């Protein structure tokens, strides 16, 4: 699932997308599906982080992770029980090719880091 984290010039999801996200995650739960969220910004950088975190908490059994850039930090955070990885940016590491490969398996998912990007492995919840 890909989210637009720029709503009306702000770094946020906005009410319409929050409603859509809640409904879509409810459907995924009903269908016993797992969801990976991709967004430019991580939850902690969003203007509506409180509402986003509430949805992450509500749907943490459906969401396997959140991948973001924005900070270029290459950091890991746990947000309401959901693993969130902020990927390193090639822009910040011009002399070191930096990228990540996402791999999803039946029992876990992982980021295979290259260059300045760290590697991570997470069990599927």
PDB file of N, CA and C in Angstrom:
ATOM      1  N   UNK A   1       0.844  -1.147   0.000  1.00  0.00           N
ATOM      2  CA  UNK A   1       0.000   0.000   0.000  1.00  0.00           C
ATOM      3  C   UNK A   1       0.905   1.229   0.000  1.00  0.00           C
ATOM      4  N   UNK A   2       0.612   2.173  -0.884  1.00  0.00           N
ATOM      5  CA  UNK A   2       1.390   3.405  -0.968  1.00  0.00           C
ATOM      6  C   UNK A   2       0.519   4.576  -0.516  1.00  0.00           C
ATOM      7  N   UNK A   3       1.062   5.389   0.399  1.00  0.00           N
ATOM      8  CA  UNK A   3       0.339   6.540   0.916  1.00  0.00           C
ATOM      9  C   UNK A   3       0.976   7.830   0.435  1.00  0.00           C
ATOM     10  N   UNK A   4       0.142   8.826   0.194  1.00  0.00           N
ATOM     11  CA  UNK A   4       0.598  10.166  -0.149  1.00  0.00           C
ATOM     12  C   UNK A   4       0.737  10.940   1.162  1.00  0.00           C
ATOM     13  N   UNK A   5       1.975  11.325   1.507  1.00  0.00           N
ATOM     14  CA  UNK A   5       2.181  12.032   2.776  1.00  0.00           C
ATOM     15  C   UNK A   5       2.318  13.541   2.577  1.00  0.00           C
ATOM     16  N   UNK A   6       1.789  14.043   1.487  1.00  0.00           N
ATOM     17  CA  UNK A   6       1.791  15.487   1.253  1.00  0.00           C
ATOM     18  C   UNK A   6       0.370  15.901   0.898  1.00  0.00           C
ATOM     19  N   UNK A   7      -0.325  16.478   1.872  1.00  0.00           N
ATOM     20  CA  UNK A   7      -1.721  16.861   1.681  1.00  0.00           C
ATOM     21  C   UNK A   7      -1.838  18.362   1.885  1.00  0.00           C
ATOM     22  N   UNK A   8      -2.275  19.052   0.869  1.00  0.00           N
ATOM     23  CA  UNK A   8      -2.459  20.511   0.923  1.00  0.00           C
ATOM     24  C   UNK A   8      -1.185  21.236   1.359  1.00  0.00           C
ATOM     25  N   UNK A   9      -0.047  20.750   0.865  1.00  0.00           N
ATOM     26  CA  UNK A   9       1.227  21.398   1.164  1.00  0.00           C
ATOM     27  C   UNK A   9       1.835  21.031   2.511  1.00  0.00           C
ATOM     28  N   UNK A  10       1.135  20.240   3.304  1.00  0.00           N
ATOM     29  CA  UNK A  10       1.645  19.804   4.605  1.00  0.00           C
ATOM     30  C   UNK A  10       2.098  18.352   4.530  1.00  0.00           C
ATOM     31  N   UNK A  11       2.984  17.969   5.438  1.00  0.00           N
ATOM     32  CA  UNK A  11       3.389  16.572   5.551  1.00  0.00           C
ATOM     33  C   UNK A  11       2.378  15.896   6.469  1.00  0.00           C
ATOM     34  N   UNK A  12       1.375  15.283   5.854  1.00  0.00           N
ATOM     35  CA  UNK A  12       0.282  14.656   6.590  1.00  0.00           C
ATOM     36  C   UNK A  12      -0.509  13.756   5.645  1.00  0.00           C
ATOM     37  N   UNK A  13      -1.365  12.910   6.181  1.00  0.00           N
ATOM     38  CA  UNK A  13      -2.239  12.081   5.353  1.00  0.00           C
ATOM     39  C   UNK A  13      -3.536  12.806   5.032  1.00  0.00           C
ATOM     40  N   UNK A  14      -4.099  13.513   5.981  1.00  0.00           N
ATOM     41  CA  UNK A  14      -5.377  14.188   5.766  1.00  0.00           C
ATOM     42  C   UNK A  14      -6.545  13.276   6.074  1.00  0.00           C
ATOM     43  N   UNK A  15      -7.687  13.874   6.346  1.00  0.00           N
ATOM     44  CA  UNK A  15      -8.868  13.117   6.778  1.00  0.00           C
ATOM     45  C   UNK A  15      -9.358  12.096   5.765  1.00  0.00           C
ATOM     46  N   UNK A  16      -9.398  12.470   4.489  1.00  0.00           N
ATOM     47  CA  UNK A  16      -9.907  11.541   3.469  1.00  0.00           C
ATOM     48  C   UNK A  16      -9.029  10.297   3.378  1.00  0.00           C
ATOM     49  N   UNK A  17      -7.709  10.495   3.385  1.00  0.00           N
ATOM     50  CA  UNK A  17      -6.808   9.349   3.271  1.00  0.00           C
ATOM     51  C   UNK A  17      -6.796   8.522   4.568  1.00  0.00           C
ATOM     52  N   UNK A  18      -6.941   9.176   5.722  1.00  0.00           N
ATOM     53  CA  UNK A  18      -7.048   8.445   6.982  1.00  0.00           C
ATOM     54  C   UNK A  18      -8.274   7.544   6.981  1.00  0.00           C
ATOM     55  N   UNK A  19      -9.399   8.064   6.494  1.00  0.00           N
ATOM     56  CA  UNK A  19     -10.620   7.267   6.395  1.00  0.00           C
ATOM     57  C   UNK A  19     -10.409   6.086   5.448  1.00  0.00           C
ATOM     58  N   UNK A  20      -9.822   6.356   4.279  1.00  0.00           N
ATOM     59  CA  UNK A  20      -9.545   5.299   3.296  1.00  0.00           C
ATOM     60  C   UNK A  20      -8.614   4.246   3.894  1.00  0.00           C
ATOM     61  N   UNK A  21      -7.574   4.685   4.591  1.00  0.00           N
ATOM     62  CA  UNK A  21      -6.618   3.762   5.199  1.00  0.00           C
ATOM     63  C   UNK A  21      -7.310   2.854   6.208  1.00  0.00           C
ATOM     64  N   UNK A  22      -8.132   3.413   7.064  1.00  0.00           N
ATOM     65  CA  UNK A  22      -8.857   2.632   8.064  1.00  0.00           C
ATOM     66  C   UNK A  22      -9.748   1.584   7.388  1.00  0.00           C
ATOM     67  N   UNK A  23     -10.497   2.007   6.379  1.00  0.00           N
ATOM     68  CA  UNK A  23     -11.395   1.086   5.672  1.00  0.00           C
ATOM     69  C   UNK A  23     -10.619  -0.020   4.955  1.00  0.00           C
ATOM     70  N   UNK A  24      -9.526   0.346   4.325  1.00  0.00           N
ATOM     71  CA  UNK A  24      -8.722  -0.624   3.567  1.00  0.00           C
ATOM     72  C   UNK A  24      -8.067  -1.639   4.504  1.00  0.00           C
ATOM     73  N   UNK A  25      -7.599  -1.175   5.650  1.00  0.00           N
ATOM     74  CA  UNK A  25      -7.005  -2.098   6.619  1.00  0.00           C
ATOM     75  C   UNK A  25      -8.066  -3.000   7.244  1.00  0.00           C
ATOM     76  N   UNK A  26      -9.273  -2.495   7.437  1.00  0.00           N
ATOM     77  CA  UNK A  26     -10.394  -3.338   7.905  1.00  0.00           C
ATOM     78  C   UNK A  26     -10.664  -4.457   6.905  1.00  0.00           C
ATOM     79  N   UNK A  27     -10.694  -4.100   5.613  1.00  0.00           N
ATOM     80  CA  UNK A  27     -10.910  -5.105   4.562  1.00  0.00           C
ATOM     81  C   UNK A  27      -9.796  -6.142   4.551  1.00  0.00           C
ATOM     82  N   UNK A  28      -8.551  -5.689   4.697  1.00  0.00           N
ATOM     83  CA  UNK A  28      -7.420  -6.612   4.722  1.00  0.00           C
ATOM     84  C   UNK A  28      -7.551  -7.582   5.901  1.00  0.00           C
ATOM     85  N   UNK A  29      -7.988  -7.077   7.040  1.00  0.00           N
ATOM     86  CA  UNK A  29      -8.184  -7.929   8.202  1.00  0.00           C
ATOM     87  C   UNK A  29      -9.261  -8.978   7.940  1.00  0.00           C
ATOM     88  N   UNK A  30     -10.367  -8.555   7.361  1.00  0.00           N
ATOM     89  CA  UNK A  30     -11.460  -9.482   7.033  1.00  0.00           C
ATOM     90  C   UNK A  30     -10.979 -10.575   6.085  1.00  0.00           C
ATOM     91  N   UNK A  31     -10.129 -10.197   5.138  1.00  0.00           N
ATOM     92  CA  UNK A  31      -9.603 -11.147   4.133  1.00  0.00           C
ATOM     93  C   UNK A  31      -8.362 -11.895   4.621  1.00  0.00           C
ATOM     94  N   UNK A  32      -7.964 -11.631   5.867  1.00  0.00           N
ATOM     95  CA  UNK A  32      -6.768 -12.249   6.457  1.00  0.00           C
ATOM     96  C   UNK A  32      -5.510 -11.962   5.632  1.00  0.00           C
ATOM     97  N   UNK A  33      -5.411 -10.720   5.140  1.00  0.00           N
ATOM     98  CA  UNK A  33      -4.259 -10.268   4.376  1.00  0.00           C
ATOM     99  C   UNK A  33      -3.316  -9.468   5.262  1.00  0.00           C
ATOM    100  N   UNK A  34      -2.070  -9.393   4.843  1.00  0.00           N
ATOM    101  CA  UNK A  34      -1.071  -8.558   5.510  1.00  0.00           C
ATOM    102  C   UNK A  34      -0.742  -7.392   4.586  1.00  0.00           C
ATOM    103  N   UNK A  35      -0.372  -6.249   5.179  1.00  0.00           N
ATOM    104  CA  UNK A  35      -0.140  -5.025   4.416  1.00  0.00           C
ATOM    105  C   UNK A  35       1.207  -4.424   4.800  1.00  0.00           C
ATOM    106  N   UNK A  36       1.977  -4.030   3.802  1.00  0.00           N
ATOM    107  CA  UNK A  36       3.200  -3.242   3.987  1.00  0.00           C
ATOM    108  C   UNK A  36       2.869  -1.840   3.506  1.00  0.00           C
ATOM    109  N   UNK A  37       3.181  -0.831   4.312  1.00  0.00           N
ATOM    110  CA  UNK A  37       2.902   0.561   3.943  1.00  0.00           C
ATOM    111  C   UNK A  37       4.189   1.217   3.455  1.00  0.00           C
ATOM    112  N   UNK A  38       4.104   1.863   2.310  1.00  0.00           N
ATOM    113  CA  UNK A  38       5.198   2.645   1.743  1.00  0.00           C
ATOM    114  C   UNK A  38       4.744   4.104   1.714  1.00  0.00           C
ATOM    115  N   UNK A  39       5.576   4.991   2.227  1.00  0.00           N
ATOM    116  CA  UNK A  39       5.238   6.410   2.236  1.00  0.00           C
ATOM    117  C   UNK A  39       6.533   7.213   2.230  1.00  0.00           C
ATOM    118  N   UNK A  40       6.458   8.412   1.708  1.00  0.00           N
ATOM    119  CA  UNK A  40       7.650   9.252   1.718  1.00  0.00           C
ATOM    120  C   UNK A  40       8.076   9.563   3.147  1.00  0.00           C
ATOM    121  N   UNK A  41       7.130   9.956   3.993  1.00  0.00           N
ATOM    122  CA  UNK A  41       7.448  10.360   5.366  1.00  0.00           C
ATOM    123  C   UNK A  41       7.049   9.275   6.362  1.00  0.00           C
ATOM    124  N   UNK A  42       7.818   9.146   7.445  1.00  0.00           N
ATOM    125  CA  UNK A  42       7.448   8.213   8.506  1.00  0.00           C
ATOM    126  C   UNK A  42       6.346   8.809   9.386  1.00  0.00           C
ATOM    127  N   UNK A  43       5.657   7.970  10.148  1.00  0.00           N
ATOM    128  CA  UNK A  43       4.557   8.462  10.979  1.00  0.00           C
ATOM    129  C   UNK A  43       4.948   9.619  11.896  1.00  0.00           C
ATOM    130  N   UNK A  44       6.131   9.569  12.508  1.00  0.00           N
ATOM    131  CA  UNK A  44       6.520  10.596  13.483  1.00  0.00           C
ATOM    132  C   UNK A  44       6.698  11.976  12.865  1.00  0.00           C
ATOM    133  N   UNK A  45       6.832  12.042  11.538  1.00  0.00           N
ATOM    134  CA  UNK A  45       7.016  13.332  10.864  1.00  0.00           C
ATOM    135  C   UNK A  45       5.711  13.911  10.328  1.00  0.00           C
ATOM    136  N   UNK A  46       4.618  13.195  10.490  1.00  0.00           N
ATOM    137  CA  UNK A  46       3.340  13.626   9.927  1.00  0.00           C
ATOM    138  C   UNK A  46       2.625  14.591  10.860  1.00  0.00           C
ATOM    139  N   UNK A  47       2.001  15.599  10.295  1.00  0.00           N
ATOM    140  CA  UNK A  47       1.224  16.557  11.071  1.00  0.00           C
ATOM    141  C   UNK A  47       0.037  15.918  11.774  1.00  0.00           C
ATOM    142  N   UNK A  48      -0.446  14.814  11.230  1.00  0.00           N
ATOM    143  CA  UNK A  48      -1.554  14.092  11.863  1.00  0.00           C
ATOM    144  C   UNK A  48      -1.068  12.761  12.452  1.00  0.00           C
ATOM    145  N   UNK A  49       0.133  12.787  13.035  1.00  0.00           N
ATOM    146  CA  UNK A  49       0.752  11.582  13.598  1.00  0.00           C
ATOM    147  C   UNK A  49      -0.120  10.926  14.667  1.00  0.00           C
ATOM    148  N   UNK A  50      -0.824  11.709  15.460  1.00  0.00           N
ATOM    149  CA  UNK A  50      -1.667  11.139  16.518  1.00  0.00           C
ATOM    150  C   UNK A  50      -2.736  10.231  15.920  1.00  0.00           C
ATOM    151  N   UNK A  51      -3.396  10.704  14.858  1.00  0.00           N
ATOM    152  CA  UNK A  51      -4.433   9.902  14.197  1.00  0.00           C
ATOM    153  C   UNK A  51      -3.819   8.691  13.479  1.00  0.00           C
ATOM    154  N   UNK A  52      -2.669   8.897  12.846  1.00  0.00           N
ATOM    155  CA  UNK A  52      -1.983   7.795  12.148  1.00  0.00           C
ATOM    156  C   UNK A  52      -1.570   6.728  13.158  1.00  0.00           C
ATOM    157  N   UNK A  53      -0.982   7.146  14.268  1.00  0.00           N
ATOM    158  CA  UNK A  53      -0.560   6.180  15.289  1.00  0.00           C
ATOM    159  C   UNK A  53      -1.743   5.406  15.863  1.00  0.00           C
ATOM    160  N   UNK A  54      -2.878   6.055  15.998  1.00  0.00           N
ATOM    161  CA  UNK A  54      -4.082   5.359  16.473  1.00  0.00           C
ATOM    162  C   UNK A  54      -4.492   4.264  15.486  1.00  0.00           C
ATOM    163  N   UNK A  55      -4.399   4.556  14.180  1.00  0.00           N
ATOM    164  CA  UNK A  55      -4.723   3.537  13.167  1.00  0.00           C
ATOM    165  C   UNK A  55      -3.691   2.410  13.170  1.00  0.00           C
ATOM    166  N   UNK A  56      -2.421   2.751  13.351  1.00  0.00           N
ATOM    167  CA  UNK A  56      -1.385   1.717  13.415  1.00  0.00           C
ATOM    168  C   UNK A  56      -1.641   0.794  14.599  1.00  0.00           C
ATOM    169  N   UNK A  57      -2.007   1.363  15.732  1.00  0.00           N
ATOM    170  CA  UNK A  57      -2.315   0.559  16.908  1.00  0.00           C
ATOM    171  C   UNK A  57      -3.524  -0.344  16.654  1.00  0.00           C
ATOM    172  N   UNK A  58      -4.566   0.230  16.087  1.00  0.00           N
ATOM    173  CA  UNK A  58      -5.808  -0.510  15.815  1.00  0.00           C
ATOM    174  C   UNK A  58      -5.576  -1.673  14.859  1.00  0.00           C
ATOM    175  N   UNK A  59      -4.701  -1.485  13.872  1.00  0.00           N
ATOM    176  CA  UNK A  59      -4.523  -2.477  12.805  1.00  0.00           C
ATOM    177  C   UNK A  59      -3.150  -3.153  12.824  1.00  0.00           C
ATOM    178  N   UNK A  60      -2.472  -3.152  13.967  1.00  0.00           N
ATOM    179  CA  UNK A  60      -1.095  -3.664  14.005  1.00  0.00           C
ATOM    180  C   UNK A  60      -0.973  -5.140  13.638  1.00  0.00           C
ATOM    181  N   UNK A  61      -2.042  -5.912  13.747  1.00  0.00           N
ATOM    182  CA  UNK A  61      -1.979  -7.332  13.361  1.00  0.00           C
ATOM    183  C   UNK A  61      -2.038  -7.510  11.843  1.00  0.00           C
ATOM    184  N   UNK A  62      -2.445  -6.471  11.139  1.00  0.00           N
ATOM    185  CA  UNK A  62      -2.545  -6.508   9.672  1.00  0.00           C
ATOM    186  C   UNK A  62      -1.303  -5.897   9.027  1.00  0.00           C
ATOM    187  N   UNK A  63      -0.762  -4.845   9.633  1.00  0.00           N
ATOM    188  CA  UNK A  63       0.362  -4.103   9.053  1.00  0.00           C
ATOM    189  C   UNK A  63       1.671  -4.780   9.434  1.00  0.00           C
ATOM    190  N   UNK A  64       2.438  -5.211   8.434  1.00  0.00           N
ATOM    191  CA  UNK A  64       3.714  -5.871   8.735  1.00  0.00           C
ATOM    192  C   UNK A  64       4.856  -4.861   8.850  1.00  0.00           C
ATOM    193  N   UNK A  65       4.690  -3.670   8.278  1.00  0.00           N
ATOM    194  CA  UNK A  65       5.741  -2.662   8.390  1.00  0.00           C
ATOM    195  C   UNK A  65       5.408  -1.393   7.634  1.00  0.00           C
ATOM    196  N   UNK A  66       6.207  -0.357   7.905  1.00  0.00           N
ATOM    197  CA  UNK A  66       6.087   0.950   7.250  1.00  0.00           C
ATOM    198  C   UNK A  66       7.477   1.318   6.762  1.00  0.00           C
ATOM    199  N   UNK A  67       7.634   1.541   5.462  1.00  0.00           N
ATOM    200  CA  UNK A  67       8.912   1.964   4.882  1.00  0.00           C
ATOM    201  C   UNK A  67       8.795   3.411   4.439  1.00  0.00           C
ATOM    202  N   UNK A  68       9.796   4.213   4.796  1.00  0.00           N
ATOM    203  CA  UNK A  68       9.772   5.636   4.474  1.00  0.00           C
ATOM    204  C   UNK A  68      11.172   6.129   4.133  1.00  0.00           C
ATOM    205  N   UNK A  69      11.220   7.321   3.613  1.00  0.00           N
ATOM    206  CA  UNK A  69      12.471   8.019   3.351  1.00  0.00           C
ATOM    207  C   UNK A  69      12.462   9.287   4.174  1.00  0.00           C
ATOM    208  N   UNK A  70      12.314  10.410   3.540  1.00  0.00           N
ATOM    209  CA  UNK A  70      12.117  11.737   4.136  1.00  0.00           C
ATOM    210  C   UNK A  70      13.292  12.198   4.999  1.00  0.00           C
ATOM    211  N   UNK A  71      13.622  11.452   6.052  1.00  0.00           N
ATOM    212  CA  UNK A  71      14.680  11.877   6.961  1.00  0.00           C
ATOM    213  C   UNK A  71      16.067  11.507   6.452  1.00  0.00           C
ATOM    214  N   UNK A  72      16.136  10.543   5.532  1.00  0.00           N
ATOM    215  CA  UNK A  72      17.396  10.016   4.985  1.00  0.00           C
ATOM    216  C   UNK A  72      18.248   9.364   6.068  1.00  0.00           C
ATOM    217  N   UNK A  73      17.668   9.029   7.200  1.00  0.00           N
ATOM    218  CA  UNK A  73      18.422   8.656   8.393  1.00  0.00           C
ATOM    219  C   UNK A  73      18.882   7.202   8.436  1.00  0.00           C
ATOM    220  N   UNK A  74      18.196   6.311   7.770  1.00  0.00           N
ATOM    221  CA  UNK A  74      18.543   4.901   7.880  1.00  0.00           C
ATOM    222  C   UNK A  74      18.261   4.357   9.269  1.00  0.00           C
ATOM    223  N   UNK A  75      17.168   4.784   9.871  1.00  0.00           N
ATOM    224  CA  UNK A  75      16.834   4.404  11.242  1.00  0.00           C
ATOM    225  C   UNK A  75      15.672   3.423  11.306  1.00  0.00           C
ATOM    226  N   UNK A  76      15.592   2.744  12.447  1.00  0.00           N
ATOM    227  CA  UNK A  76      14.476   1.855  12.745  1.00  0.00           C
ATOM    228  C   UNK A  76      13.723   2.408  13.949  1.00  0.00           C
ATOM    229  N   UNK A  77      12.404   2.376  13.873  1.00  0.00           N
ATOM    230  CA  UNK A  77      11.548   2.761  14.995  1.00  0.00           C
ATOM    231  C   UNK A  77      10.415   1.743  15.098  1.00  0.00           C
ATOM    232  N   UNK A  78       9.942   1.529  16.298  1.00  0.00           N
ATOM    233  CA  UNK A  78       8.753   0.714  16.529  1.00  0.00           C
ATOM    234  C   UNK A  78       7.631   1.701  16.803  1.00  0.00           C
ATOM    235  N   UNK A  79       6.574   1.695  15.988  1.00  0.00           N
ATOM    236  CA  UNK A  79       5.474   2.639  16.133  1.00  0.00           C
ATOM    237  C   UNK A  79       4.190   1.863  16.391  1.00  0.00           C
ATOM    238  N   UNK A  80       3.711   1.941  17.621  1.00  0.00           N
ATOM    239  CA  UNK A  80       2.468   1.239  17.993  1.00  0.00           C
ATOM    240  C   UNK A  80       2.531  -0.248  17.640  1.00  0.00           C
ATOM    241  N   UNK A  81       3.706  -0.859  17.813  1.00  0.00           N
ATOM    242  CA  UNK A  81       3.872  -2.277  17.524  1.00  0.00           C
ATOM    243  C   UNK A  81       4.177  -2.590  16.074  1.00  0.00           C
ATOM    244  N   UNK A  82       4.298  -1.565  15.233  1.00  0.00           N
ATOM    245  CA  UNK A  82       4.582  -1.752  13.803  1.00  0.00           C
ATOM    246  C   UNK A  82       6.032  -1.349  13.524  1.00  0.00           C
ATOM    247  N   UNK A  83       6.839  -2.238  12.931  1.00  0.00           N
ATOM    248  CA  UNK A  83       8.202  -1.858  12.573  1.00  0.00           C
ATOM    249  C   UNK A  83       8.192  -0.788  11.480  1.00  0.00           C
ATOM    250  N   UNK A  84       8.983   0.253  11.691  1.00  0.00           N
ATOM    251  CA  UNK A  84       9.065   1.353  10.715  1.00  0.00           C
ATOM    252  C   UNK A  84      10.537   1.601  10.410  1.00  0.00           C
ATOM    253  N   UNK A  85      10.890   1.514   9.121  1.00  0.00           N
ATOM    254  CA  UNK A  85      12.272   1.720   8.690  1.00  0.00           C
ATOM    255  C   UNK A  85      12.330   2.968   7.816  1.00  0.00           C
ATOM    256  N   UNK A  86      13.211   3.881   8.212  1.00  0.00           N
ATOM    257  CA  UNK A  86      13.494   5.062   7.404  1.00  0.00           C
ATOM    258  C   UNK A  86      14.780   4.765   6.639  1.00  0.00           C
ATOM    259  N   UNK A  87      14.659   4.683   5.329  1.00  0.00           N
ATOM    260  CA  UNK A  87      15.780   4.262   4.504  1.00  0.00           C
ATOM    261  C   UNK A  87      16.840   5.346   4.369  1.00  0.00           C
ATOM    262  N   UNK A  88      18.092   4.912   4.270  1.00  0.00           N
ATOM    263  CA  UNK A  88      19.205   5.831   4.007  1.00  0.00           C
ATOM    264  C   UNK A  88      19.082   6.354   2.585  1.00  0.00           C
ATOM    265  N   UNK A  89      19.584   7.542   2.367  1.00  0.00           N
ATOM    266  CA  UNK A  89      19.494   8.162   1.047  1.00  0.00           C
ATOM    267  C   UNK A  89      20.846   8.142   0.342  1.00  0.00           C
ATOM    268  N   UNK A  90      20.805   7.823  -0.935  1.00  0.00           N
ATOM    269  CA  UNK A  90      22.016   7.863  -1.743  1.00  0.00           C
ATOM    270  C   UNK A  90      22.566   9.288  -1.780  1.00  0.00           C
ATOM    271  N   UNK A  91      21.688  10.261  -1.696  1.00  0.00           N
ATOM    272  CA  UNK A  91      22.049  11.679  -1.666  1.00  0.00           C
ATOM    273  C   UNK A  91      23.014  11.996  -0.522  1.00  0.00           C
ATOM    274  N   UNK A  92      22.822  11.341   0.620  1.00  0.00           N
ATOM    275  CA  UNK A  92      23.662  11.577   1.792  1.00  0.00           C
ATOM    276  C   UNK A  92      24.973  10.791   1.751  1.00  0.00           C
ATOM    277  N   UNK A  93      25.085   9.861   0.813  1.00  0.00           N
ATOM    278  CA  UNK A  93      26.246   8.971   0.738  1.00  0.00           C
ATOM    279  C   UNK A  93      26.754   8.866  -0.693  1.00  0.00           C
ATOM    280  N   UNK A  94      27.160   9.975  -1.305  1.00  0.00           N
ATOM    281  CA  UNK A  94      27.508   9.949  -2.729  1.00  0.00           C
ATOM    282  C   UNK A  94      28.692   9.050  -3.080  1.00  0.00           C
ATOM    283  N   UNK A  95      29.617   8.825  -2.143  1.00  0.00           N
ATOM    284  CA  UNK A  95      30.772   7.990  -2.455  1.00  0.00           C
ATOM    285  C   UNK A  95      30.529   6.514  -2.170  1.00  0.00           C
ATOM    286  N   UNK A  96      29.360   6.188  -1.629  1.00  0.00           N
ATOM    287  CA  UNK A  96      29.031   4.825  -1.238  1.00  0.00           C
ATOM    288  C   UNK A  96      27.662   4.462  -1.799  1.00  0.00           C
ATOM    289  N   UNK A  97      27.599   3.646  -2.851  1.00  0.00           N
ATOM    290  CA  UNK A  97      26.272   3.282  -3.381  1.00  0.00           C
ATOM    291  C   UNK A  97      25.372   2.729  -2.269  1.00  0.00           C
ATOM    292  N   UNK A  98      24.257   3.407  -2.015  1.00  0.00           N
ATOM    293  CA  UNK A  98      23.372   3.067  -0.904  1.00  0.00           C
ATOM    294  C   UNK A  98      21.989   2.742  -1.432  1.00  0.00           C
ATOM    295  N   UNK A  99      21.527   1.546  -1.099  1.00  0.00           N
ATOM    296  CA  UNK A  99      20.183   1.132  -1.498  1.00  0.00           C
ATOM    297  C   UNK A  99      19.752  -0.034  -0.629  1.00  0.00           C
ATOM    298  N   UNK A 100      18.489  -0.405  -0.764  1.00  0.00           N
ATOM    299  CA  UNK A 100      17.934  -1.507   0.017  1.00  0.00           C
ATOM    300  C   UNK A 100      17.102  -2.396  -0.884  1.00  0.00           C
ATOM    301  N   UNK A 101      17.092  -3.667  -0.552  1.00  0.00           N
ATOM    302  CA  UNK A 101      16.232  -4.637  -1.234  1.00  0.00           C
ATOM    303  C   UNK A 101      15.260  -5.173  -0.187  1.00  0.00           C
ATOM    304  N   UNK A 102      13.976  -5.065  -0.479  1.00  0.00           N
ATOM    305  CA  UNK A 102      12.938  -5.584   0.405  1.00  0.00           C
ATOM    306  C   UNK A 102      12.630  -7.017  -0.009  1.00  0.00           C
ATOM    307  N   UNK A 103      12.648  -7.918   0.963  1.00  0.00           N
ATOM    308  CA  UNK A 103      12.315  -9.323   0.720  1.00  0.00           C
ATOM    309  C   UNK A 103      11.227  -9.724   1.701  1.00  0.00           C
ATOM    310  N   UNK A 104      10.160 -10.314   1.179  1.00  0.00           N
ATOM    311  CA  UNK A 104       9.055 -10.755   2.028  1.00  0.00           C
ATOM    312  C   UNK A 104       8.898 -12.258   1.873  1.00  0.00           C
ATOM    313  N   UNK A 105       8.891 -12.957   3.005  1.00  0.00           N
ATOM    314  CA  UNK A 105       8.790 -14.408   3.049  1.00  0.00           C
ATOM    315  C   UNK A 105       7.539 -14.792   3.842  1.00  0.00           C
ATOM    316  N   UNK A 106       7.155 -16.067   3.820  1.00  0.00           N
ATOM    317  CA  UNK A 106       5.948 -16.472   4.554  1.00  0.00           C
ATOM    318  C   UNK A 106       5.992 -16.183   6.060  1.00  0.00           C
ATOM    319  N   UNK A 107       7.195 -16.202   6.663  1.00  0.00           N
ATOM    320  CA  UNK A 107       7.284 -16.023   8.116  1.00  0.00           C
ATOM    321  C   UNK A 107       8.005 -14.751   8.564  1.00  0.00           C
ATOM    322  N   UNK A 108       8.599 -14.002   7.627  1.00  0.00           N
ATOM    323  CA  UNK A 108       9.315 -12.777   7.999  1.00  0.00           C
ATOM    324  C   UNK A 108       9.509 -11.888   6.779  1.00  0.00           C
ATOM    325  N   UNK A 109       9.939 -10.647   7.054  1.00  0.00           N
ATOM    326  CA  UNK A 109      10.357  -9.757   5.968  1.00  0.00           C
ATOM    327  C   UNK A 109      11.674  -9.128   6.381  1.00  0.00           C
ATOM    328  N   UNK A 110      12.429  -8.729   5.374  1.00  0.00           N
ATOM    329  CA  UNK A 110      13.732  -8.157   5.674  1.00  0.00           C
ATOM    330  C   UNK A 110      14.123  -7.076   4.685  1.00  0.00           C
ATOM    331  N   UNK A 111      14.969  -6.200   5.178  1.00  0.00           N
ATOM    332  CA  UNK A 111      15.622  -5.192   4.360  1.00  0.00           C
ATOM    333  C   UNK A 111      17.066  -5.643   4.230  1.00  0.00           C
ATOM    334  N   UNK A 112      17.497  -5.873   3.002  1.00  0.00           N
ATOM    335  CA  UNK A 112      18.903  -6.189   2.746  1.00  0.00           C
ATOM    336  C   UNK A 112      19.583  -4.871   2.397  1.00  0.00           C
ATOM    337  N   UNK A 113      20.353  -4.358   3.339  1.00  0.00           N
ATOM    338  CA  UNK A 113      20.978  -3.058   3.159  1.00  0.00           C
ATOM    339  C   UNK A 113      22.301  -3.136   2.416  1.00  0.00           C
ATOM    340  N   UNK A 114      22.559  -2.107   1.630  1.00  0.00           N
ATOM    341  CA  UNK A 114      23.816  -1.985   0.891  1.00  0.00           C
ATOM    342  C   UNK A 114      24.349  -0.576   1.097  1.00  0.00           C
ATOM    343  N   UNK A 115      25.682  -0.441   1.107  1.00  0.00           N
ATOM    344  CA  UNK A 115      26.272   0.866   1.357  1.00  0.00           C
ATOM    345  C   UNK A 115      25.983   1.295   2.778  1.00  0.00           C
ATOM    346  N   UNK A 116      25.452   2.498   2.951  1.00  0.00           N
ATOM    347  CA  UNK A 116      25.164   3.032   4.286  1.00  0.00           C
ATOM    348  C   UNK A 116      23.856   2.489   4.873  1.00  0.00           C
ATOM    349  N   UNK A 117      23.057   1.783   4.080  1.00  0.00           N
ATOM    350  CA  UNK A 117      21.778   1.261   4.577  1.00  0.00           C
ATOM    351  C   UNK A 117      21.995   0.012   5.427  1.00  0.00           C
ATOM    352  N   UNK A 118      21.446   0.015   6.643  1.00  0.00           N
ATOM    353  CA  UNK A 118      21.520  -1.143   7.530  1.00  0.00           C
ATOM    354  C   UNK A 118      20.549  -2.218   7.054  1.00  0.00           C
ATOM    355  N   UNK A 119      20.840  -3.444   7.413  1.00  0.00           N
ATOM    356  CA  UNK A 119      19.938  -4.563   7.142  1.00  0.00           C
ATOM    357  C   UNK A 119      19.081  -4.805   8.369  1.00  0.00           C
ATOM    358  N   UNK A 120      17.839  -5.262   8.138  1.00  0.00           N
ATOM    359  CA  UNK A 120      16.903  -5.544   9.219  1.00  0.00           C
ATOM    360  C   UNK A 120      16.124  -6.799   8.869  1.00  0.00           C
ATOM    361  N   UNK A 121      15.638  -7.493   9.899  1.00  0.00           N
ATOM    362  CA  UNK A 121      14.778  -8.659   9.708  1.00  0.00           C
ATOM    363  C   UNK A 121      13.678  -8.615  10.763  1.00  0.00           C
ATOM    364  N   UNK A 122      12.433  -8.834  10.323  1.00  0.00           N
ATOM    365  CA  UNK A 122      11.283  -8.763  11.212  1.00  0.00           C
ATOM    366  C   UNK A 122      10.378  -9.970  10.991  1.00  0.00           C
ATOM    367  N   UNK A 123       9.870 -10.562  12.074  1.00  0.00           N
ATOM    368  CA  UNK A 123       8.894 -11.651  11.903  1.00  0.00           C
ATOM    369  C   UNK A 123       7.555 -11.077  11.433  1.00  0.00           C
ATOM    370  N   UNK A 124       6.804 -11.874  10.721  1.00  0.00           N
ATOM    371  CA  UNK A 124       5.437 -11.465  10.383  1.00  0.00           C
ATOM    372  C   UNK A 124       4.586 -11.674  11.626  1.00  0.00           C
ATOM    373  N   UNK A 125       3.764 -10.670  11.932  1.00  0.00           N
ATOM    374  CA  UNK A 125       2.954 -10.765  13.149  1.00  0.00           C
ATOM    375  C   UNK A 125       1.717 -11.584  12.922  1.00  0.00           C
TER     376      UNK A 125
END
